[in-house]
Full PDB file with SEQRES, HELIX, SHEET, SSBOND, CRYST1, ORIGX, SCALE, CONECT and MASTER records, all heavy atoms in Angstrom:
SEQRES   1 A   37  ILE THR ASN SER ALA SER THR ASP TYR ALA ASP SER VAL          
SEQRES   2 A   37  LYS GLY ARG PHE THR ILE SER ARG ASP ASN GLY LYS ASN          
SEQRES   3 A   37  THR GLY TYR LEU GLN MET ASP SER LEU LYS PRO                  
HELIX    1 AA1 ASN A   23  LYS A   25  5                                   3    
SHEET    1 AA1 2 PHE A  17  ASP A  22  0                                        
SHEET    2 AA1 2 THR A  27  MET A  32 -1                                        
CRYST1    1.000    1.000    1.000  90.00  90.00  90.00 P 1           1          
ORIGX1      1.000000  0.000000  0.000000        0.00000                         
ORIGX2      0.000000  1.000000  0.000000        0.00000                         
ORIGX3      0.000000  0.000000  1.000000        0.00000                         
SCALE1      1.000000  0.000000  0.000000        0.00000                         
SCALE2      0.000000  1.000000  0.000000        0.00000                         
SCALE3      0.000000  0.000000  1.000000        0.00000                         
ATOM      1  N   ILE A   1       4.318   5.220  -0.273  1.00  0.00           N  
ATOM      2  CA  ILE A   1       3.390   6.215   0.236  1.00  0.00           C  
ATOM      3  C   ILE A   1       4.195   7.357   0.843  1.00  0.00           C  
ATOM      4  O   ILE A   1       5.172   7.141   1.553  1.00  0.00           O  
ATOM      5  CB  ILE A   1       2.410   5.596   1.261  1.00  0.00           C  
ATOM      6  CG1 ILE A   1       1.362   6.616   1.695  1.00  0.00           C  
ATOM      7  CG2 ILE A   1       3.150   5.013   2.459  1.00  0.00           C  
ATOM      8  CD1 ILE A   1       0.204   5.987   2.467  1.00  0.00           C  
ATOM      9  N   THR A   2       3.780   8.574   0.562  1.00  0.00           N  
ATOM     10  CA  THR A   2       4.483   9.758   1.033  1.00  0.00           C  
ATOM     11  C   THR A   2       3.904  10.242   2.348  1.00  0.00           C  
ATOM     12  O   THR A   2       2.930   9.699   2.869  1.00  0.00           O  
ATOM     13  CB  THR A   2       4.410  10.884  -0.002  1.00  0.00           C  
ATOM     14  OG1 THR A   2       3.061  11.377  -0.071  1.00  0.00           O  
ATOM     15  CG2 THR A   2       4.821  10.390  -1.379  1.00  0.00           C  
ATOM     16  N   ASN A   3       4.514  11.300   2.887  1.00  0.00           N  
ATOM     17  CA  ASN A   3       4.016  11.871   4.132  1.00  0.00           C  
ATOM     18  C   ASN A   3       2.657  12.534   3.963  1.00  0.00           C  
ATOM     19  O   ASN A   3       1.961  12.766   4.958  1.00  0.00           O  
ATOM     20  CB  ASN A   3       5.026  12.867   4.700  1.00  0.00           C  
ATOM     21  CG  ASN A   3       5.338  14.004   3.742  1.00  0.00           C  
ATOM     22  OD1 ASN A   3       5.026  13.945   2.555  1.00  0.00           O  
ATOM     23  ND2 ASN A   3       5.974  15.046   4.256  1.00  0.00           N  
ATOM     24  N   SER A   4       2.287  12.840   2.744  1.00  0.00           N  
ATOM     25  CA  SER A   4       0.975  13.400   2.463  1.00  0.00           C  
ATOM     26  C   SER A   4      -0.029  12.340   2.035  1.00  0.00           C  
ATOM     27  O   SER A   4      -1.124  12.667   1.582  1.00  0.00           O  
ATOM     28  CB  SER A   4       1.073  14.482   1.390  1.00  0.00           C  
ATOM     29  OG  SER A   4       1.551  13.956   0.168  1.00  0.00           O  
ATOM     30  N   ALA A   5       0.368  11.067   2.160  1.00  0.00           N  
ATOM     31  CA  ALA A   5      -0.485   9.921   1.857  1.00  0.00           C  
ATOM     32  C   ALA A   5      -0.702   9.707   0.367  1.00  0.00           C  
ATOM     33  O   ALA A   5      -1.616   8.967  -0.024  1.00  0.00           O  
ATOM     34  CB  ALA A   5      -1.825  10.027   2.582  1.00  0.00           C  
ATOM     35  N   SER A   6       0.108  10.323  -0.450  1.00  0.00           N  
ATOM     36  CA  SER A   6       0.077  10.027  -1.874  1.00  0.00           C  
ATOM     37  C   SER A   6       0.695   8.650  -2.107  1.00  0.00           C  
ATOM     38  O   SER A   6       1.704   8.303  -1.500  1.00  0.00           O  
ATOM     39  CB  SER A   6       0.841  11.087  -2.652  1.00  0.00           C  
ATOM     40  OG  SER A   6       0.874  10.784  -4.029  1.00  0.00           O  
ATOM     41  N   THR A   7       0.091   7.861  -2.980  1.00  0.00           N  
ATOM     42  CA  THR A   7       0.539   6.486  -3.195  1.00  0.00           C  
ATOM     43  C   THR A   7       0.864   6.221  -4.655  1.00  0.00           C  
ATOM     44  O   THR A   7       0.314   6.855  -5.562  1.00  0.00           O  
ATOM     45  CB  THR A   7      -0.529   5.481  -2.739  1.00  0.00           C  
ATOM     46  OG1 THR A   7      -1.748   5.715  -3.461  1.00  0.00           O  
ATOM     47  CG2 THR A   7      -0.798   5.623  -1.251  1.00  0.00           C  
ATOM     48  N   ASP A   8       1.754   5.269  -4.859  1.00  0.00           N  
ATOM     49  CA  ASP A   8       2.105   4.787  -6.188  1.00  0.00           C  
ATOM     50  C   ASP A   8       2.284   3.285  -6.114  1.00  0.00           C  
ATOM     51  O   ASP A   8       2.728   2.748  -5.093  1.00  0.00           O  
ATOM     52  CB  ASP A   8       3.384   5.437  -6.704  1.00  0.00           C  
ATOM     53  CG  ASP A   8       3.223   6.911  -7.005  1.00  0.00           C  
ATOM     54  OD1 ASP A   8       2.526   7.241  -7.986  1.00  0.00           O  
ATOM     55  OD2 ASP A   8       3.786   7.737  -6.254  1.00  0.00           O  
ATOM     56  N   TYR A   9       1.964   2.613  -7.210  1.00  0.00           N  
ATOM     57  CA  TYR A   9       2.038   1.165  -7.256  1.00  0.00           C  
ATOM     58  C   TYR A   9       2.699   0.701  -8.540  1.00  0.00           C  
ATOM     59  O   TYR A   9       2.583   1.342  -9.589  1.00  0.00           O  
ATOM     60  CB  TYR A   9       0.643   0.541  -7.187  1.00  0.00           C  
ATOM     61  CG  TYR A   9      -0.109   0.863  -5.928  1.00  0.00           C  
ATOM     62  CD1 TYR A   9      -0.949   1.963  -5.861  1.00  0.00           C  
ATOM     63  CD2 TYR A   9       0.021   0.057  -4.797  1.00  0.00           C  
ATOM     64  CE1 TYR A   9      -1.647   2.259  -4.700  1.00  0.00           C  
ATOM     65  CE2 TYR A   9      -0.671   0.347  -3.635  1.00  0.00           C  
ATOM     66  CZ  TYR A   9      -1.501   1.450  -3.598  1.00  0.00           C  
ATOM     67  OH  TYR A   9      -2.193   1.741  -2.438  1.00  0.00           O  
ATOM     68  N   ALA A  10       3.376  -0.421  -8.442  1.00  0.00           N  
ATOM     69  CA  ALA A  10       3.849  -1.079  -9.644  1.00  0.00           C  
ATOM     70  C   ALA A  10       2.655  -1.536 -10.470  1.00  0.00           C  
ATOM     71  O   ALA A  10       1.613  -1.908  -9.924  1.00  0.00           O  
ATOM     72  CB  ALA A  10       4.727  -2.274  -9.282  1.00  0.00           C  
ATOM     73  N   ASP A  11       2.808  -1.509 -11.779  1.00  0.00           N  
ATOM     74  CA  ASP A  11       1.702  -1.901 -12.646  1.00  0.00           C  
ATOM     75  C   ASP A  11       1.215  -3.317 -12.349  1.00  0.00           C  
ATOM     76  O   ASP A  11       0.024  -3.615 -12.481  1.00  0.00           O  
ATOM     77  CB  ASP A  11       2.115  -1.796 -14.113  1.00  0.00           C  
ATOM     78  CG  ASP A  11       2.258  -0.366 -14.582  1.00  0.00           C  
ATOM     79  OD1 ASP A  11       1.697   0.537 -13.935  1.00  0.00           O  
ATOM     80  OD2 ASP A  11       2.933  -0.145 -15.603  1.00  0.00           O  
ATOM     81  N   SER A  12       2.118  -4.175 -11.942  1.00  0.00           N  
ATOM     82  CA  SER A  12       1.776  -5.567 -11.718  1.00  0.00           C  
ATOM     83  C   SER A  12       0.864  -5.782 -10.515  1.00  0.00           C  
ATOM     84  O   SER A  12       0.251  -6.846 -10.390  1.00  0.00           O  
ATOM     85  CB  SER A  12       3.043  -6.406 -11.549  1.00  0.00           C  
ATOM     86  OG  SER A  12       3.815  -5.939 -10.456  1.00  0.00           O  
ATOM     87  N   VAL A  13       0.758  -4.791  -9.631  1.00  0.00           N  
ATOM     88  CA  VAL A  13      -0.051  -4.958  -8.431  1.00  0.00           C  
ATOM     89  C   VAL A  13      -1.189  -3.956  -8.338  1.00  0.00           C  
ATOM     90  O   VAL A  13      -1.986  -4.022  -7.388  1.00  0.00           O  
ATOM     91  CB  VAL A  13       0.803  -4.876  -7.154  1.00  0.00           C  
ATOM     92  CG1 VAL A  13       1.962  -5.859  -7.223  1.00  0.00           C  
ATOM     93  CG2 VAL A  13       1.315  -3.454  -6.926  1.00  0.00           C  
ATOM     94  N   LYS A  14      -1.303  -3.055  -9.282  1.00  0.00           N  
ATOM     95  CA  LYS A  14      -2.367  -2.064  -9.247  1.00  0.00           C  
ATOM     96  C   LYS A  14      -3.732  -2.735  -9.225  1.00  0.00           C  
ATOM     97  O   LYS A  14      -3.994  -3.669  -9.975  1.00  0.00           O  
ATOM     98  CB  LYS A  14      -2.274  -1.132 -10.453  1.00  0.00           C  
ATOM     99  CG  LYS A  14      -1.169  -0.105 -10.359  1.00  0.00           C  
ATOM    100  CD  LYS A  14      -1.176   0.830 -11.565  1.00  0.00           C  
ATOM    101  CE  LYS A  14      -0.096   1.884 -11.453  1.00  0.00           C  
ATOM    102  NZ  LYS A  14      -0.050   2.768 -12.644  1.00  0.00           N  
ATOM    103  N   GLY A  15      -4.583  -2.237  -8.352  1.00  0.00           N  
ATOM    104  CA  GLY A  15      -5.908  -2.800  -8.214  1.00  0.00           C  
ATOM    105  C   GLY A  15      -5.988  -3.974  -7.273  1.00  0.00           C  
ATOM    106  O   GLY A  15      -7.094  -4.406  -6.921  1.00  0.00           O  
ATOM    107  N   ARG A  16      -4.850  -4.514  -6.859  1.00  0.00           N  
ATOM    108  CA  ARG A  16      -4.825  -5.667  -5.968  1.00  0.00           C  
ATOM    109  C   ARG A  16      -4.183  -5.360  -4.619  1.00  0.00           C  
ATOM    110  O   ARG A  16      -4.583  -5.929  -3.604  1.00  0.00           O  
ATOM    111  CB  ARG A  16      -4.079  -6.836  -6.618  1.00  0.00           C  
ATOM    112  CG  ARG A  16      -4.701  -7.301  -7.931  1.00  0.00           C  
ATOM    113  CD  ARG A  16      -4.039  -8.581  -8.440  1.00  0.00           C  
ATOM    114  NE  ARG A  16      -2.620  -8.388  -8.732  1.00  0.00           N  
ATOM    115  CZ  ARG A  16      -1.630  -9.016  -8.104  1.00  0.00           C  
ATOM    116  NH1 ARG A  16      -1.906  -9.905  -7.148  1.00  0.00           N  
ATOM    117  NH2 ARG A  16      -0.369  -8.789  -8.446  1.00  0.00           N  
ATOM    118  N   PHE A  17      -3.181  -4.482  -4.608  1.00  0.00           N  
ATOM    119  CA  PHE A  17      -2.464  -4.140  -3.381  1.00  0.00           C  
ATOM    120  C   PHE A  17      -2.831  -2.732  -2.945  1.00  0.00           C  
ATOM    121  O   PHE A  17      -3.086  -1.852  -3.782  1.00  0.00           O  
ATOM    122  CB  PHE A  17      -0.953  -4.207  -3.591  1.00  0.00           C  
ATOM    123  CG  PHE A  17      -0.393  -5.588  -3.773  1.00  0.00           C  
ATOM    124  CD1 PHE A  17      -1.213  -6.689  -3.972  1.00  0.00           C  
ATOM    125  CD2 PHE A  17       0.978  -5.786  -3.746  1.00  0.00           C  
ATOM    126  CE1 PHE A  17      -0.698  -7.962  -4.143  1.00  0.00           C  
ATOM    127  CE2 PHE A  17       1.519  -7.046  -3.912  1.00  0.00           C  
ATOM    128  CZ  PHE A  17       0.689  -8.138  -4.113  1.00  0.00           C  
ATOM    129  N   THR A  18      -2.822  -2.513  -1.641  1.00  0.00           N  
ATOM    130  CA  THR A  18      -3.087  -1.200  -1.077  1.00  0.00           C  
ATOM    131  C   THR A  18      -2.070  -0.897   0.014  1.00  0.00           C  
ATOM    132  O   THR A  18      -1.954  -1.652   0.978  1.00  0.00           O  
ATOM    133  CB  THR A  18      -4.505  -1.104  -0.488  1.00  0.00           C  
ATOM    134  OG1 THR A  18      -5.474  -1.429  -1.487  1.00  0.00           O  
ATOM    135  CG2 THR A  18      -4.768   0.312   0.016  1.00  0.00           C  
ATOM    136  N   ILE A  19      -1.346   0.197  -0.140  1.00  0.00           N  
ATOM    137  CA  ILE A  19      -0.403   0.626   0.876  1.00  0.00           C  
ATOM    138  C   ILE A  19      -1.052   1.703   1.731  1.00  0.00           C  
ATOM    139  O   ILE A  19      -1.801   2.543   1.230  1.00  0.00           O  
ATOM    140  CB  ILE A  19       0.912   1.130   0.243  1.00  0.00           C  
ATOM    141  CG1 ILE A  19       1.976   1.379   1.321  1.00  0.00           C  
ATOM    142  CG2 ILE A  19       0.689   2.371  -0.599  1.00  0.00           C  
ATOM    143  CD1 ILE A  19       3.358   1.676   0.760  1.00  0.00           C  
ATOM    144  N   SER A  20      -0.776   1.672   3.026  1.00  0.00           N  
ATOM    145  CA  SER A  20      -1.337   2.652   3.934  1.00  0.00           C  
ATOM    146  C   SER A  20      -0.370   2.880   5.085  1.00  0.00           C  
ATOM    147  O   SER A  20       0.631   2.166   5.222  1.00  0.00           O  
ATOM    148  CB  SER A  20      -2.713   2.210   4.454  1.00  0.00           C  
ATOM    149  OG  SER A  20      -2.613   0.990   5.167  1.00  0.00           O  
ATOM    150  N   ARG A  21      -0.689   3.865   5.904  1.00  0.00           N  
ATOM    151  CA  ARG A  21       0.170   4.174   7.038  1.00  0.00           C  
ATOM    152  C   ARG A  21      -0.660   4.706   8.190  1.00  0.00           C  
ATOM    153  O   ARG A  21      -1.715   5.316   7.997  1.00  0.00           O  
ATOM    154  CB  ARG A  21       1.244   5.197   6.644  1.00  0.00           C  
ATOM    155  CG  ARG A  21       0.678   6.529   6.149  1.00  0.00           C  
ATOM    156  CD  ARG A  21       1.765   7.406   5.535  1.00  0.00           C  
ATOM    157  NE  ARG A  21       2.726   7.861   6.528  1.00  0.00           N  
ATOM    158  CZ  ARG A  21       3.887   8.459   6.229  1.00  0.00           C  
ATOM    159  NH1 ARG A  21       4.227   8.646   4.961  1.00  0.00           N  
ATOM    160  NH2 ARG A  21       4.695   8.854   7.198  1.00  0.00           N  
ATOM    161  N   ASP A  22      -0.173   4.476   9.390  1.00  0.00           N  
ATOM    162  CA  ASP A  22      -0.771   5.005  10.606  1.00  0.00           C  
ATOM    163  C   ASP A  22       0.333   5.762  11.320  1.00  0.00           C  
ATOM    164  O   ASP A  22       1.181   5.163  11.987  1.00  0.00           O  
ATOM    165  CB  ASP A  22      -1.331   3.884  11.480  1.00  0.00           C  
ATOM    166  CG  ASP A  22      -2.092   4.405  12.685  1.00  0.00           C  
ATOM    167  OD1 ASP A  22      -1.776   5.499  13.178  1.00  0.00           O  
ATOM    168  OD2 ASP A  22      -3.015   3.712  13.146  1.00  0.00           O  
ATOM    169  N   ASN A  23       0.336   7.067  11.165  1.00  0.00           N  
ATOM    170  CA  ASN A  23       1.415   7.874  11.730  1.00  0.00           C  
ATOM    171  C   ASN A  23       1.454   7.807  13.255  1.00  0.00           C  
ATOM    172  O   ASN A  23       2.530   7.870  13.857  1.00  0.00           O  
ATOM    173  CB  ASN A  23       1.274   9.329  11.277  1.00  0.00           C  
ATOM    174  CG  ASN A  23       1.537   9.504   9.794  1.00  0.00           C  
ATOM    175  OD1 ASN A  23       2.243   8.706   9.172  1.00  0.00           O  
ATOM    176  ND2 ASN A  23       0.982  10.556   9.206  1.00  0.00           N  
ATOM    177  N   GLY A  24       0.299   7.691  13.880  1.00  0.00           N  
ATOM    178  CA  GLY A  24       0.256   7.597  15.330  1.00  0.00           C  
ATOM    179  C   GLY A  24       0.927   6.347  15.857  1.00  0.00           C  
ATOM    180  O   GLY A  24       1.473   6.343  16.962  1.00  0.00           O  
ATOM    181  N   LYS A  25       0.894   5.281  15.081  1.00  0.00           N  
ATOM    182  CA  LYS A  25       1.511   4.014  15.470  1.00  0.00           C  
ATOM    183  C   LYS A  25       2.873   3.802  14.839  1.00  0.00           C  
ATOM    184  O   LYS A  25       3.515   2.781  15.090  1.00  0.00           O  
ATOM    185  CB  LYS A  25       0.601   2.846  15.102  1.00  0.00           C  
ATOM    186  CG  LYS A  25      -0.734   2.839  15.833  1.00  0.00           C  
ATOM    187  CD  LYS A  25      -1.568   1.632  15.417  1.00  0.00           C  
ATOM    188  CE  LYS A  25      -2.886   1.592  16.160  1.00  0.00           C  
ATOM    189  NZ  LYS A  25      -3.712   0.423  15.751  1.00  0.00           N  
ATOM    190  N   ASN A  26       3.310   4.755  14.006  1.00  0.00           N  
ATOM    191  CA  ASN A  26       4.560   4.602  13.264  1.00  0.00           C  
ATOM    192  C   ASN A  26       4.611   3.262  12.544  1.00  0.00           C  
ATOM    193  O   ASN A  26       5.620   2.545  12.580  1.00  0.00           O  
ATOM    194  CB  ASN A  26       5.763   4.760  14.192  1.00  0.00           C  
ATOM    195  CG  ASN A  26       6.069   6.206  14.513  1.00  0.00           C  
ATOM    196  OD1 ASN A  26       5.794   7.106  13.722  1.00  0.00           O  
ATOM    197  ND2 ASN A  26       6.661   6.440  15.684  1.00  0.00           N  
ATOM    198  N   THR A  27       3.534   2.952  11.889  1.00  0.00           N  
ATOM    199  CA  THR A  27       3.391   1.663  11.232  1.00  0.00           C  
ATOM    200  C   THR A  27       2.842   1.831   9.828  1.00  0.00           C  
ATOM    201  O   THR A  27       1.951   2.644   9.595  1.00  0.00           O  
ATOM    202  CB  THR A  27       2.463   0.737  12.039  1.00  0.00           C  
ATOM    203  OG1 THR A  27       3.004   0.550  13.354  1.00  0.00           O  
ATOM    204  CG2 THR A  27       2.330  -0.619  11.365  1.00  0.00           C  
ATOM    205  N   GLY A  28       3.384   1.069   8.914  1.00  0.00           N  
ATOM    206  CA  GLY A  28       2.887   1.015   7.560  1.00  0.00           C  
ATOM    207  C   GLY A  28       2.326  -0.357   7.266  1.00  0.00           C  
ATOM    208  O   GLY A  28       2.659  -1.348   7.934  1.00  0.00           O  
ATOM    209  N   TYR A  29       1.483  -0.431   6.251  1.00  0.00           N  
ATOM    210  CA  TYR A  29       0.814  -1.676   5.912  1.00  0.00           C  
ATOM    211  C   TYR A  29       0.805  -1.877   4.404  1.00  0.00           C  
ATOM    212  O   TYR A  29       0.835  -0.921   3.628  1.00  0.00           O  
ATOM    213  CB  TYR A  29      -0.630  -1.682   6.411  1.00  0.00           C  
ATOM    214  CG  TYR A  29      -0.781  -1.399   7.882  1.00  0.00           C  
ATOM    215  CD1 TYR A  29      -1.010  -0.101   8.337  1.00  0.00           C  
ATOM    216  CD2 TYR A  29      -0.687  -2.419   8.818  1.00  0.00           C  
ATOM    217  CE1 TYR A  29      -1.145   0.166   9.682  1.00  0.00           C  
ATOM    218  CE2 TYR A  29      -0.824  -2.160  10.172  1.00  0.00           C  
ATOM    219  CZ  TYR A  29      -1.053  -0.868  10.602  1.00  0.00           C  
ATOM    220  OH  TYR A  29      -1.186  -0.604  11.939  1.00  0.00           O  
ATOM    221  N   LEU A  30       0.747  -3.122   4.019  1.00  0.00           N  
ATOM    222  CA  LEU A  30       0.528  -3.483   2.632  1.00  0.00           C  
ATOM    223  C   LEU A  30      -0.535  -4.561   2.601  1.00  0.00           C  
ATOM    224  O   LEU A  30      -0.277  -5.705   2.988  1.00  0.00           O  
ATOM    225  CB  LEU A  30       1.811  -3.976   1.961  1.00  0.00           C  
ATOM    226  CG  LEU A  30       1.681  -4.282   0.468  1.00  0.00           C  
ATOM    227  CD1 LEU A  30       1.423  -3.000  -0.321  1.00  0.00           C  
ATOM    228  CD2 LEU A  30       2.922  -4.990  -0.058  1.00  0.00           C  
ATOM    229  N   GLN A  31      -1.730  -4.187   2.175  1.00  0.00           N  
ATOM    230  CA  GLN A  31      -2.814  -5.138   2.011  1.00  0.00           C  
ATOM    231  C   GLN A  31      -2.717  -5.741   0.625  1.00  0.00           C  
ATOM    232  O   GLN A  31      -2.741  -5.023  -0.374  1.00  0.00           O  
ATOM    233  CB  GLN A  31      -4.169  -4.441   2.196  1.00  0.00           C  
ATOM    234  CG  GLN A  31      -5.377  -5.340   1.980  1.00  0.00           C  
ATOM    235  CD  GLN A  31      -5.507  -6.400   3.043  1.00  0.00           C  
ATOM    236  OE1 GLN A  31      -5.331  -6.120   4.226  1.00  0.00           O  
ATOM    237  NE2 GLN A  31      -5.800  -7.629   2.628  1.00  0.00           N  
ATOM    238  N   MET A  32      -2.605  -7.052   0.563  1.00  0.00           N  
ATOM    239  CA  MET A  32      -2.435  -7.757  -0.699  1.00  0.00           C  
ATOM    240  C   MET A  32      -3.636  -8.665  -0.919  1.00  0.00           C  
ATOM    241  O   MET A  32      -3.869  -9.599  -0.151  1.00  0.00           O  
ATOM    242  CB  MET A  32      -1.136  -8.561  -0.695  1.00  0.00           C  
ATOM    243  CG  MET A  32       0.103  -7.726  -0.400  1.00  0.00           C  
ATOM    244  SD  MET A  32       1.645  -8.681  -0.517  1.00  0.00           S  
ATOM    245  CE  MET A  32       1.403  -9.827   0.845  1.00  0.00           C  
ATOM    246  N   ASP A  33      -4.380  -8.384  -1.961  1.00  0.00           N  
ATOM    247  CA  ASP A  33      -5.563  -9.157  -2.310  1.00  0.00           C  
ATOM    248  C   ASP A  33      -5.372  -9.794  -3.679  1.00  0.00           C  
ATOM    249  O   ASP A  33      -4.522  -9.390  -4.465  1.00  0.00           O  
ATOM    250  CB  ASP A  33      -6.811  -8.273  -2.323  1.00  0.00           C  
ATOM    251  CG  ASP A  33      -7.121  -7.652  -0.985  1.00  0.00           C  
ATOM    252  OD1 ASP A  33      -6.992  -8.347   0.042  1.00  0.00           O  
ATOM    253  OD2 ASP A  33      -7.510  -6.456  -0.959  1.00  0.00           O  
ATOM    254  N   SER A  34      -6.200 -10.782  -3.956  1.00  0.00           N  
ATOM    255  CA  SER A  34      -6.153 -11.479  -5.245  1.00  0.00           C  
ATOM    256  C   SER A  34      -4.738 -11.912  -5.592  1.00  0.00           C  
ATOM    257  O   SER A  34      -4.247 -11.700  -6.704  1.00  0.00           O  
ATOM    258  CB  SER A  34      -6.723 -10.588  -6.355  1.00  0.00           C  
ATOM    259  OG  SER A  34      -8.060 -10.221  -6.081  1.00  0.00           O  
ATOM    260  N   LEU A  35      -4.087 -12.530  -4.642  1.00  0.00           N  
ATOM    261  CA  LEU A  35      -2.687 -12.897  -4.815  1.00  0.00           C  
ATOM    262  C   LEU A  35      -2.499 -13.944  -5.905  1.00  0.00           C  
ATOM    263  O   LEU A  35      -3.346 -14.818  -6.102  1.00  0.00           O  
ATOM    264  CB  LEU A  35      -2.112 -13.400  -3.499  1.00  0.00           C  
ATOM    265  CG  LEU A  35      -1.796 -12.297  -2.484  1.00  0.00           C  
ATOM    266  CD1 LEU A  35      -1.640 -12.871  -1.086  1.00  0.00           C  
ATOM    267  CD2 LEU A  35      -0.531 -11.548  -2.898  1.00  0.00           C  
ATOM    268  N   LYS A  36      -1.384 -13.828  -6.593  1.00  0.00           N  
ATOM    269  CA  LYS A  36      -1.016 -14.713  -7.679  1.00  0.00           C  
ATOM    270  C   LYS A  36       0.313 -15.382  -7.358  1.00  0.00           C  
ATOM    271  O   LYS A  36       1.105 -14.854  -6.583  1.00  0.00           O  
ATOM    272  CB  LYS A  36      -0.884 -13.933  -8.990  1.00  0.00           C  
ATOM    273  CG  LYS A  36      -2.101 -13.113  -9.376  1.00  0.00           C  
ATOM    274  CD  LYS A  36      -1.808 -12.271 -10.609  1.00  0.00           C  
ATOM    275  CE  LYS A  36      -3.001 -11.427 -11.000  1.00  0.00           C  
ATOM    276  NZ  LYS A  36      -2.705 -10.585 -12.196  1.00  0.00           N  
ATOM    277  N   PRO A  37       0.588 -16.530  -7.971  1.00  0.00           N  
ATOM    278  CA  PRO A  37       1.883 -17.177  -7.732  1.00  0.00           C  
ATOM    279  C   PRO A  37       3.071 -16.265  -8.031  1.00  0.00           C  
ATOM    280  O   PRO A  37       4.102 -16.365  -7.350  1.00  0.00           O  
ATOM    281  CB  PRO A  37       1.848 -18.381  -8.674  1.00  0.00           C  
ATOM    282  CG  PRO A  37       0.399 -18.717  -8.779  1.00  0.00           C  
ATOM    283  CD  PRO A  37      -0.309 -17.382  -8.768  1.00  0.00           C  
TER     284      PRO A  37                                                      
MASTER        0    0    0    1    2    0    0    6  283    1    0    3          
END                                                                             
């Protein structure tokens, strides 16, 4: 994720993972859903 909140994902995780950021907290996140082995 860029400073303008533009995001890119690997093809293997598209639609399942979501990257985000909270600039006020200086924290980034990766929400992972529908996890696979």
